[in-house]
Amino acid sequence: MNLQAAVPLPAAAHDTSAPSDRGYEERVHRFGDGLVGVATLPAGRAPRATALILLNAGLVHRMGPFRLYVQMARRLAAEGYVVLRFDQSGLGDSPLSSQHSDNRKRDEVRAAMDLLEREAGVRRFVLGGICSGADDSFNIAPLEPRVAGLVLLDGVSYRTRGHKLRHYLPRLLNPLRVLRALWRRLVPRREPPRAVGNDDLRDFPTRDEASRRLLALDARGCQVLLLYTGGVASYHNHRRQALEAFGPVMRSSNMATEYWPECDHTFYVRRHREKLFACLQDWMQARFPD
């Protein structure tokens, strides 16, 4: 658990998302059980009291899809927030952990929070990420009292009655699609192998458990941002669906939801990234201004 010396990193000259005066500095750390991460800190000013920790999106390196996490960290650091993006065990530059524990992911997040407490003096944290990074954040947050917020990008949700109506009704009103479906049923054919889908890859709790978690997080004042894109239309397809899925807790002032059907899962398009960064900046400044 020894912390190695932090090494400053130069800003990427080709990164157009970085402010012209930078406004941030970056340091690479090795901590915990060999974990590797980069802390992005505000330059020339004391950091705010709340830090953001970004968790790997699937098997993607700590840079995030198409360097999304790098750009996000620098934008928020320029606004005074400390951001740590690190590779979880067995991903990116972090070796596979030698420890066999059911709590490995939680222990890694705790080590990350301990690191930022020592290095930056912050004691309150927001966990977040895309896809599995959102899943891990949602699974860990209820167990960690230092977690004061969640940023869940294409995170937990469930197919509701409304989702099914919105998904199937336009197809039923399309005669060509109806005929194709009937043809597939009437004409016997060899069934293709079942494709691996979202349900096979995500780590969602049961719907009842997810609702209980949100109620518990709300009761302790945890701020939660649930943002969904068109990339997860297979299970979330409307701005109202979080309320449908989780119930009245979503009316709490601690909960915020967004649905951006025009955006893809990785925010590949530049204007979609700009929209995301602006949303996160506004949300962080409103919920964690100090």
Protein backbone atom coordinates (compact mmCIF):
# COMPACT_ATOMS: atom_id res chain seq x y z
CA MET A 1 0.00 0.00 0.00
CA ASN A 2 3.00 2.30 -0.34
CA LEU A 3 2.55 5.38 -2.45
CA GLN A 4 5.31 5.95 -4.96
CA ALA A 5 6.51 9.41 -5.89
CA ALA A 6 4.16 11.38 -8.09
CA VAL A 7 5.53 12.38 -11.49
CA PRO A 8 4.20 15.50 -13.26
CA LEU A 9 2.90 14.88 -16.77
CA PRO A 10 2.99 17.44 -19.60
CA ALA A 11 -0.25 18.52 -21.22
CA ALA A 12 -0.98 17.00 -24.60
CA ALA A 13 -0.27 19.76 -27.11
CA HIS A 14 -2.82 18.37 -29.58
CA ASP A 15 -5.68 18.24 -27.07
CA THR A 16 -7.94 21.09 -28.12
CA SER A 17 -10.12 20.56 -25.05
CA ALA A 18 -7.38 21.89 -22.74
CA PRO A 19 -7.73 25.55 -21.77
CA SER A 20 -5.16 27.84 -23.39
CA ASP A 21 -3.63 28.60 -20.00
CA ARG A 22 -4.00 24.94 -19.00
CA GLY A 23 -5.39 25.59 -15.53
CA TYR A 24 -4.42 22.10 -14.41
CA GLU A 25 -1.48 19.85 -13.69
CA GLU A 26 -1.24 16.07 -13.87
CA ARG A 27 0.59 13.54 -11.72
CA VAL A 28 0.87 9.80 -12.17
CA HIS A 29 0.62 7.61 -9.07
CA ARG A 30 1.11 3.99 -8.17
CA PHE A 31 -0.95 3.08 -5.14
CA GLY A 32 -2.86 0.28 -3.47
CA ASP A 33 -2.06 -3.18 -4.83
CA GLY A 34 0.01 -1.91 -7.78
CA LEU A 35 -2.75 0.29 -9.22
CA VAL A 36 -1.75 3.03 -11.67
CA GLY A 37 -3.66 6.28 -12.01
CA VAL A 38 -3.35 9.89 -13.08
CA ALA A 39 -4.54 12.70 -10.81
CA THR A 40 -5.50 15.93 -12.57
CA LEU A 41 -5.40 18.90 -10.18
CA PRO A 42 -6.20 22.59 -10.52
CA ALA A 43 -3.08 24.68 -11.08
CA GLY A 44 -2.37 27.79 -9.06
CA ARG A 45 -5.32 27.47 -6.70
CA ALA A 46 -6.49 25.36 -3.80
CA PRO A 47 -8.68 22.45 -4.91
CA ARG A 48 -12.34 22.28 -4.08
CA ALA A 49 -13.43 19.94 -1.29
CA THR A 50 -14.92 17.28 -3.59
CA ALA A 51 -12.98 15.07 -6.02
CA LEU A 52 -14.19 12.94 -8.92
CA ILE A 53 -12.92 9.37 -9.37
CA LEU A 54 -13.46 7.82 -12.81
CA LEU A 55 -13.64 4.04 -13.18
CA ASN A 56 -12.74 2.05 -16.30
CA ALA A 57 -15.34 1.77 -19.04
CA GLY A 58 -15.25 -1.96 -19.75
CA LEU A 59 -11.76 -3.03 -20.79
CA VAL A 60 -10.79 0.48 -21.91
CA HIS A 61 -7.60 2.07 -20.50
CA ARG A 62 -8.00 4.87 -17.93
CA MET A 63 -7.97 7.43 -20.76
CA GLY A 64 -11.58 6.42 -21.47
CA PRO A 65 -13.16 5.87 -24.88
CA PHE A 66 -11.31 8.03 -27.40
CA ARG A 67 -9.61 9.87 -24.48
CA LEU A 68 -12.94 11.06 -23.10
CA TYR A 69 -11.81 10.75 -19.45
CA VAL A 70 -8.65 12.76 -20.15
CA GLN A 71 -10.62 15.65 -21.61
CA MET A 72 -13.25 15.45 -18.87
CA ALA A 73 -10.62 15.48 -16.11
CA ARG A 74 -8.84 18.52 -17.53
CA ARG A 75 -12.04 20.48 -17.97
CA LEU A 76 -13.12 19.85 -14.39
CA ALA A 77 -9.64 20.46 -12.94
CA ALA A 78 -9.60 23.86 -14.65
CA GLU A 79 -12.77 24.57 -12.62
CA GLY A 80 -11.03 23.62 -9.35
CA TYR A 81 -11.89 19.92 -9.00
CA VAL A 82 -9.40 17.12 -8.44
CA VAL A 83 -10.05 14.20 -10.79
CA LEU A 84 -8.44 10.76 -10.56
CA ARG A 85 -8.71 8.29 -13.42
CA PHE A 86 -7.08 4.98 -12.60
CA ASP A 87 -6.82 1.48 -14.02
CA GLN A 88 -8.57 -1.13 -11.96
CA SER A 89 -6.83 -4.45 -11.35
CA GLY A 90 -5.95 -6.25 -14.58
CA LEU A 91 -6.82 -3.29 -16.81
CA GLY A 92 -4.54 -0.82 -18.61
CA ASP A 93 -1.27 -0.38 -16.70
CA SER A 94 -2.46 -1.99 -13.46
CA PRO A 95 -1.35 -5.62 -13.04
CA LEU A 96 -3.83 -8.29 -12.06
CA SER A 97 -4.22 -8.25 -8.29
CA SER A 98 -2.64 -11.05 -6.30
CA GLN A 99 -5.41 -10.67 -3.71
CA HIS A 100 -8.50 -12.84 -4.05
CA SER A 101 -11.37 -10.94 -2.49
CA ASP A 102 -15.05 -10.40 -3.18
CA ASN A 103 -14.46 -6.77 -2.19
CA ARG A 104 -11.56 -6.10 -4.56
CA LYS A 105 -13.22 -3.28 -6.51
CA ARG A 106 -14.39 -1.60 -3.32
CA ASP A 107 -10.92 -1.89 -1.79
CA GLU A 108 -9.41 -0.29 -4.91
CA VAL A 109 -11.79 2.66 -4.73
CA ARG A 110 -11.02 3.06 -1.02
CA ALA A 111 -7.30 3.11 -1.86
CA ALA A 112 -7.99 5.78 -4.49
CA MET A 113 -9.89 7.91 -1.99
CA ASP A 114 -7.12 7.49 0.60
CA LEU A 115 -4.60 8.62 -2.01
CA LEU A 116 -6.49 11.82 -2.79
CA GLU A 117 -7.01 12.56 0.90
CA ARG A 118 -3.25 12.39 1.45
CA GLU A 119 -2.21 14.18 -1.72
CA ALA A 120 -4.91 16.83 -2.14
CA GLY A 121 -6.66 17.02 1.22
CA VAL A 122 -10.11 16.20 -0.21
CA ARG A 123 -12.45 14.10 1.92
CA ARG A 124 -15.59 13.94 -0.21
CA PHE A 125 -15.86 12.03 -3.48
CA VAL A 126 -17.97 11.55 -6.57
CA LEU A 127 -17.67 8.20 -8.33
CA GLY A 128 -18.50 7.83 -11.98
CA GLY A 129 -17.89 6.42 -15.40
CA ILE A 130 -19.42 5.04 -18.56
CA CYS A 131 -21.07 1.64 -18.83
CA SER A 132 -19.30 -0.78 -16.44
CA GLY A 133 -17.63 2.22 -14.80
CA ALA A 134 -21.14 3.40 -13.91
CA ASP A 135 -22.09 -0.11 -12.74
CA ASP A 136 -19.08 -0.36 -10.41
CA SER A 137 -19.77 3.12 -9.04
CA PHE A 138 -23.40 2.24 -8.31
CA ASN A 139 -22.41 -1.00 -6.61
CA ILE A 140 -19.72 0.59 -4.42
CA ALA A 141 -21.32 3.91 -3.41
CA PRO A 142 -23.85 2.54 -0.88
CA LEU A 143 -21.00 0.92 1.05
CA GLU A 144 -18.73 3.98 1.22
CA PRO A 145 -19.80 6.94 3.38
CA ARG A 146 -17.18 9.21 1.78
CA VAL A 147 -19.00 8.95 -1.55
CA ALA A 148 -21.17 12.07 -1.82
CA GLY A 149 -22.14 11.80 -5.47
CA LEU A 150 -22.49 9.55 -8.51
CA VAL A 151 -22.14 10.28 -12.24
CA LEU A 152 -23.69 7.31 -14.04
CA LEU A 153 -23.26 7.57 -17.82
CA ASP A 154 -25.42 4.93 -19.52
CA GLY A 155 -25.70 3.22 -16.15
CA VAL A 156 -28.38 1.20 -14.41
CA SER A 157 -31.92 1.14 -15.78
CA TYR A 158 -34.60 -1.42 -16.63
CA ARG A 159 -37.08 -2.13 -19.41
CA THR A 160 -40.37 -0.78 -18.16
CA ARG A 161 -43.86 -1.09 -19.64
CA GLY A 162 -43.36 2.35 -21.13
CA HIS A 163 -40.06 1.28 -22.68
CA LYS A 164 -41.70 -1.70 -24.35
CA LEU A 165 -44.56 0.41 -25.71
CA ARG A 166 -42.13 2.98 -27.11
CA HIS A 167 -39.98 0.22 -28.60
CA TYR A 168 -42.62 -2.04 -30.14
CA LEU A 169 -45.53 0.25 -31.04
CA PRO A 170 -43.74 2.09 -33.91
CA ARG A 171 -42.74 -1.31 -35.30
CA LEU A 172 -46.30 -2.63 -35.11
CA LEU A 173 -47.49 0.43 -37.04
CA ASN A 174 -44.98 -0.27 -39.82
CA PRO A 175 -46.60 -2.79 -42.23
CA LEU A 176 -43.28 -3.84 -43.77
CA ARG A 177 -41.81 -4.72 -40.40
CA VAL A 178 -44.94 -6.66 -39.45
CA LEU A 179 -44.77 -8.68 -42.69
CA ARG A 180 -41.10 -9.44 -42.13
CA ALA A 181 -41.81 -10.63 -38.59
CA LEU A 182 -44.65 -12.87 -39.83
CA TRP A 183 -42.45 -14.26 -42.57
CA ARG A 184 -39.73 -15.16 -40.08
CA ARG A 185 -42.31 -17.02 -38.00
CA LEU A 186 -43.96 -18.86 -40.90
CA VAL A 187 -40.85 -19.90 -42.81
CA PRO A 188 -38.71 -22.36 -40.82
CA ARG A 189 -35.05 -21.58 -40.83
CA ARG A 190 -31.94 -22.41 -38.94
CA GLU A 191 -31.69 -20.28 -35.82
CA PRO A 192 -28.48 -18.20 -35.65
CA PRO A 193 -26.37 -18.35 -32.49
CA ARG A 194 -27.70 -16.08 -29.77
CA ALA A 195 -25.89 -12.77 -29.83
CA VAL A 196 -24.22 -11.52 -26.67
CA GLY A 197 -26.35 -8.65 -25.43
CA ASN A 198 -26.40 -5.98 -22.79
CA ASP A 199 -27.90 -8.31 -20.16
CA ASP A 200 -24.86 -10.59 -20.49
CA LEU A 201 -22.33 -7.81 -19.95
CA ARG A 202 -23.74 -5.46 -17.31
CA ASP A 203 -23.59 -5.78 -13.54
CA PHE A 204 -27.04 -4.50 -12.56
CA PRO A 205 -28.69 -5.46 -9.28
CA THR A 206 -32.33 -6.44 -9.31
CA ARG A 207 -34.73 -3.59 -10.00
CA ASP A 208 -36.04 -3.66 -6.41
CA GLU A 209 -32.50 -3.59 -5.03
CA ALA A 210 -31.57 -0.67 -7.29
CA SER A 211 -34.58 1.29 -6.01
CA ARG A 212 -33.63 0.54 -2.40
CA ARG A 213 -30.07 1.73 -3.06
CA LEU A 214 -31.28 4.99 -4.54
CA LEU A 215 -33.57 5.55 -1.55
CA ALA A 216 -30.67 4.93 0.85
CA LEU A 217 -28.35 7.22 -1.13
CA ASP A 218 -31.02 9.92 -1.21
CA ALA A 219 -31.55 9.63 2.56
CA ARG A 220 -27.89 10.40 3.20
CA GLY A 221 -27.90 13.32 0.78
CA CYS A 222 -25.90 11.68 -2.02
CA GLN A 223 -26.19 13.59 -5.31
CA VAL A 224 -26.88 11.34 -8.31
CA LEU A 225 -26.72 12.18 -12.02
CA LEU A 226 -28.13 9.51 -14.35
CA LEU A 227 -27.42 10.35 -17.98
CA TYR A 228 -28.52 8.03 -20.79
CA THR A 229 -27.74 8.16 -24.51
CA GLY A 230 -29.23 6.64 -27.62
CA GLY A 231 -26.53 3.99 -27.33
CA VAL A 232 -28.57 2.14 -24.69
CA ALA A 233 -31.99 2.38 -26.35
CA SER A 234 -32.30 -1.39 -25.93
CA TYR A 235 -33.07 -0.81 -22.25
CA HIS A 236 -33.62 2.96 -21.83
CA ASN A 237 -35.43 5.13 -24.38
CA HIS A 238 -37.13 8.11 -22.70
CA ARG A 239 -36.38 11.00 -20.34
CA ARG A 240 -39.19 9.78 -18.04
CA GLN A 241 -37.97 6.20 -17.82
CA ALA A 242 -35.87 6.59 -14.66
CA LEU A 243 -39.05 7.61 -12.84
CA GLU A 244 -40.85 4.62 -14.36
CA ALA A 245 -38.07 2.27 -13.29
CA PHE A 246 -37.18 3.54 -9.82
CA GLY A 247 -40.30 5.29 -8.60
CA PRO A 248 -40.85 8.45 -6.50
CA VAL A 249 -37.22 8.66 -5.31
CA MET A 250 -36.44 10.18 -8.72
CA ARG A 251 -38.49 13.24 -7.77
CA SER A 252 -35.98 14.06 -5.02
CA SER A 253 -33.88 17.19 -5.49
CA ASN A 254 -30.82 14.96 -5.01
CA MET A 255 -31.57 13.09 -8.24
CA ALA A 256 -30.97 14.43 -11.75
CA THR A 257 -31.68 12.61 -15.00
CA GLU A 258 -30.86 13.33 -18.63
CA TYR A 259 -31.75 11.49 -21.82
CA TRP A 260 -29.82 12.40 -24.97
CA PRO A 261 -30.96 10.10 -27.79
CA GLU A 262 -28.82 11.93 -30.33
CA CYS A 263 -25.58 10.93 -28.57
CA ASP A 264 -23.77 7.62 -28.96
CA HIS A 265 -22.50 5.53 -26.06
CA THR A 266 -18.93 6.90 -26.18
CA PHE A 267 -19.76 10.57 -27.02
CA TYR A 268 -17.60 10.25 -30.12
CA VAL A 269 -18.89 13.41 -31.82
CA ARG A 270 -17.15 16.56 -30.61
CA ARG A 271 -20.29 18.62 -30.06
CA HIS A 272 -21.74 15.78 -27.96
CA ARG A 273 -18.60 15.82 -25.81
CA GLU A 274 -18.89 19.56 -25.39
CA LYS A 275 -22.49 19.11 -24.28
CA LEU A 276 -21.41 16.43 -21.77
CA PHE A 277 -18.57 18.54 -20.34
CA ALA A 278 -20.86 21.55 -19.93
CA CYS A 279 -23.48 19.37 -18.20
CA LEU A 280 -20.92 17.90 -15.78
CA GLN A 281 -19.43 21.31 -15.01
CA ASP A 282 -22.85 22.76 -14.25
CA TRP A 283 -23.87 19.75 -12.15
CA MET A 284 -20.64 19.68 -10.13
CA GLN A 285 -20.71 23.43 -9.50
CA ALA A 286 -24.37 23.32 -8.43
CA ARG A 287 -24.03 20.27 -6.18
CA PHE A 288 -20.45 20.67 -4.91
CA PRO A 289 -19.60 24.38 -5.10
CA ASP A 290 -17.05 24.52 -2.24
